[in-house]
Amino acid sequence: MEYIRVLSKGVGLGYPIEILLEVGQDGYTRRKLERFADGRVALASARFAEGDTRLDEKPAPSLEEIDADPEFVAQRMTRVEFERAWNDGFLTQPARPGHG
């Protein structure tokens, strides 16, 4: 697995300011967390999706491709960092079935 943090430079209302991705060996996103300027956190996995937050139907762009876009700054993160953010995201949300 690869874990990527994406920070948005041009924040528009309703768009995430930070996106965390868990990307599988096949290049597809397994889990996604989006943080918004108003404090909301939305999560998506193969089991569920919140609001407009969804897993893409095509492979995720590489860290280098994301970072080449002037609107974003991308960096690797560890599995531990991702899991901590993922679990914290659940703590800020109403109860839901399963989270994986």
Protein backbone atom coordinates (compact mmCIF):
# COMPACT_ATOMS: atom_id res chain seq x y z
CA MET A 1 0.00 0.00 0.00
CA GLU A 2 0.98 3.59 -0.57
CA TYR A 3 -0.31 6.47 1.54
CA ILE A 4 -0.53 9.99 0.13
CA ARG A 5 -1.50 13.33 1.70
CA VAL A 6 -2.69 15.99 -0.75
CA LEU A 7 -3.03 19.61 0.34
CA SER A 8 -5.02 22.01 -1.82
CA LYS A 9 -3.48 25.43 -2.50
CA GLY A 10 -6.61 26.97 -4.02
CA VAL A 11 -9.37 26.30 -1.54
CA GLY A 12 -12.88 26.91 -2.79
CA LEU A 13 -15.91 26.70 -0.56
CA GLY A 14 -17.15 23.13 -0.49
CA TYR A 15 -13.88 21.63 -1.74
CA PRO A 16 -11.55 19.65 0.51
CA ILE A 17 -8.45 21.36 1.85
CA GLU A 18 -6.75 18.01 2.50
CA ILE A 19 -7.20 14.57 0.92
CA LEU A 20 -5.64 11.39 2.30
CA LEU A 21 -5.41 8.34 0.04
CA GLU A 22 -4.65 4.69 0.65
CA VAL A 23 -3.58 3.27 -2.72
CA GLY A 24 -3.31 -0.48 -3.36
CA GLN A 25 -0.64 -2.32 -5.34
CA ASP A 26 -2.96 -2.19 -8.36
CA GLY A 27 -2.94 1.63 -8.27
CA TYR A 28 -6.58 1.99 -7.19
CA THR A 29 -7.58 3.98 -4.13
CA ARG A 30 -8.80 1.69 -1.32
CA ARG A 31 -9.79 4.38 1.17
CA LYS A 32 -10.08 8.16 0.98
CA LEU A 33 -10.48 10.84 3.65
CA GLU A 34 -11.35 14.44 2.81
CA ARG A 35 -11.10 17.36 5.27
CA PHE A 36 -12.96 20.59 4.60
CA ALA A 37 -12.26 24.15 5.75
CA ASP A 38 -15.38 24.11 7.95
CA GLY A 39 -14.04 21.13 9.92
CA ARG A 40 -16.09 18.42 8.23
CA VAL A 41 -14.44 15.11 7.46
CA ALA A 42 -15.82 12.72 4.82
CA LEU A 43 -14.69 9.14 4.31
CA ALA A 44 -15.02 6.63 1.47
CA SER A 45 -14.10 2.98 1.06
CA ALA A 46 -15.41 0.01 -0.90
CA ARG A 47 -18.07 -0.40 1.82
CA PHE A 48 -19.46 3.14 2.02
CA ALA A 49 -19.16 6.73 0.85
CA GLU A 50 -20.20 9.98 2.51
CA GLY A 51 -21.66 12.93 0.63
CA ASP A 52 -19.75 13.57 -2.58
CA THR A 53 -16.66 11.71 -1.36
CA ARG A 54 -16.19 8.63 -3.53
CA LEU A 55 -13.45 6.28 -4.63
CA ASP A 56 -12.38 6.88 -8.22
CA GLU A 57 -13.20 4.27 -10.84
CA LYS A 58 -9.77 4.66 -12.43
CA PRO A 59 -6.28 4.25 -10.94
CA ALA A 60 -5.07 7.05 -8.67
CA PRO A 61 -2.51 9.43 -10.13
CA SER A 62 1.02 8.99 -8.79
CA LEU A 63 2.35 11.26 -6.08
CA GLU A 64 4.55 12.91 -8.71
CA GLU A 65 1.57 13.55 -11.02
CA ILE A 66 -0.45 15.09 -8.20
CA ASP A 67 2.46 17.23 -7.04
CA ALA A 68 3.04 18.49 -10.61
CA ASP A 69 -0.40 20.15 -10.53
CA PRO A 70 0.07 23.74 -9.30
CA GLU A 71 -3.15 23.50 -7.26
CA PHE A 72 -1.81 20.74 -4.99
CA VAL A 73 1.07 19.70 -2.78
CA ALA A 74 1.41 15.93 -2.37
CA GLN A 75 3.56 14.00 0.08
CA ARG A 76 3.94 10.45 1.26
CA MET A 77 2.66 9.52 4.66
CA THR A 78 3.02 6.39 6.77
CA ARG A 79 0.37 3.75 7.29
CA VAL A 80 0.28 4.71 10.97
CA GLU A 81 -0.40 8.36 10.11
CA PHE A 82 -3.16 7.35 7.68
CA GLU A 83 -4.79 4.94 10.16
CA ARG A 84 -4.72 7.58 12.88
CA ALA A 85 -6.43 10.12 10.60
CA TRP A 86 -8.93 7.49 9.37
CA ASN A 87 -9.88 6.50 12.92
CA ASP A 88 -10.05 10.14 14.03
CA GLY A 89 -12.37 10.77 11.06
CA PHE A 90 -14.72 8.14 12.41
CA LEU A 91 -14.71 9.70 15.84
CA THR A 92 -15.95 12.99 14.37
CA GLN A 93 -18.79 11.35 12.43
CA PRO A 94 -22.17 9.90 13.43
CA ALA A 95 -22.21 6.13 14.00
CA ARG A 96 -22.16 4.02 10.83
CA PRO A 97 -21.82 0.31 10.08
CA GLY A 98 -18.23 -0.95 9.68
CA HIS A 99 -15.33 1.24 8.60
CA GLY A 100 -13.07 -0.67 6.30
